Amino acid sequence: ERDGTERDRARTEQSFCVSKADIAAQGYDLSLNRYKEIVHEENVTRTPAEIVADLEQLNEEIIKGADELKGMLA
């Protein structure tokens, strides 16, 4: 008999319990992928315009830093 905490684990966790009825319904196939639920994280993407704006800002910072360095060396 499993204790309550193990029985309460979600199927997305490392280990979890599966009912006998679920196993029987799957033809006694014990493959993990039959029972484990996979959660896909949402992929947040930026627009090309946002990426270009970031690149322009970085380029300005690089130019400013290079100019300061040239001033120190002169």
Protein backbone atom coordinates (compact mmCIF):
# COMPACT_ATOMS: atom_id res chain seq x y z
CA GLU A 1 0.00 0.00 0.00
CA ARG A 2 1.34 3.41 -0.96
CA ASP A 3 1.14 6.28 1.48
CA GLY A 4 -1.01 9.33 0.76
CA THR A 5 1.78 11.63 -0.36
CA GLU A 6 2.92 9.33 -3.15
CA ARG A 7 -0.63 8.77 -4.33
CA ASP A 8 -1.19 12.53 -4.50
CA ARG A 9 1.74 13.22 -6.83
CA ALA A 10 0.92 14.61 -10.25
CA ARG A 11 1.85 12.61 -13.32
CA THR A 12 4.29 15.36 -14.24
CA GLU A 13 6.55 14.57 -11.26
CA GLN A 14 9.54 12.22 -11.25
CA SER A 15 7.53 9.40 -9.68
CA PHE A 16 3.79 8.91 -9.39
CA CYS A 17 1.17 6.21 -8.93
CA VAL A 18 -1.09 4.86 -11.65
CA SER A 19 -4.31 3.05 -10.85
CA LYS A 20 -4.75 -0.59 -11.76
CA ALA A 21 -7.72 0.41 -13.92
CA ASP A 22 -5.54 2.81 -15.96
CA ILE A 23 -2.92 0.10 -16.48
CA ALA A 24 -5.57 -2.43 -17.52
CA ALA A 25 -7.12 0.12 -19.91
CA GLN A 26 -3.72 0.45 -21.62
CA GLY A 27 -3.46 -3.31 -22.11
CA TYR A 28 -1.00 -3.67 -19.21
CA ASP A 29 1.57 -1.64 -21.14
CA LEU A 30 3.96 -0.29 -18.50
CA SER A 31 5.73 2.20 -20.78
CA LEU A 32 6.29 5.43 -18.89
CA ASN A 33 5.12 7.54 -21.82
CA ARG A 34 1.66 5.97 -21.58
CA TYR A 35 1.10 7.51 -18.16
CA LYS A 36 3.46 10.44 -17.66
CA GLU A 37 2.08 13.86 -18.52
CA ILE A 38 4.52 16.20 -20.21
CA VAL A 39 4.14 19.91 -19.60
CA HIS A 40 5.40 22.09 -22.41
CA GLU A 41 6.58 25.53 -21.41
CA GLU A 42 5.36 28.44 -23.46
CA ASN A 43 8.10 29.83 -25.64
CA VAL A 44 8.15 33.61 -25.48
CA THR A 45 9.48 35.19 -28.64
CA ARG A 46 10.29 38.75 -29.50
CA THR A 47 9.40 40.48 -32.72
CA PRO A 48 12.15 41.12 -35.26
CA ALA A 49 11.73 44.86 -34.64
CA GLU A 50 12.45 44.38 -30.92
CA ILE A 51 15.56 42.35 -31.70
CA VAL A 52 16.83 44.96 -34.16
CA ALA A 53 16.21 47.73 -31.59
CA ASP A 54 18.23 45.79 -28.99
CA LEU A 55 21.05 45.26 -31.50
CA GLU A 56 21.10 48.96 -32.35
CA GLN A 57 21.31 49.87 -28.65
CA LEU A 58 24.14 47.39 -28.09
CA ASN A 59 25.96 48.73 -31.13
CA GLU A 60 25.68 52.28 -29.76
CA GLU A 61 27.10 51.12 -26.42
CA ILE A 62 30.00 49.40 -28.19
CA ILE A 63 30.79 52.52 -30.22
CA LYS A 64 30.62 54.69 -27.10
CA GLY A 65 32.94 52.31 -25.23
CA ALA A 66 35.38 52.20 -28.14
CA ASP A 67 35.42 56.02 -28.31
CA GLU A 68 36.13 56.23 -24.57
CA LEU A 69 38.95 53.72 -24.96
CA LYS A 70 40.42 55.71 -27.85
CA GLY A 71 40.28 58.84 -25.66
CA MET A 72 42.20 57.07 -22.90
CA LEU A 73 44.87 55.91 -25.32
CA ALA A 74 45.37 59.30 -26.99
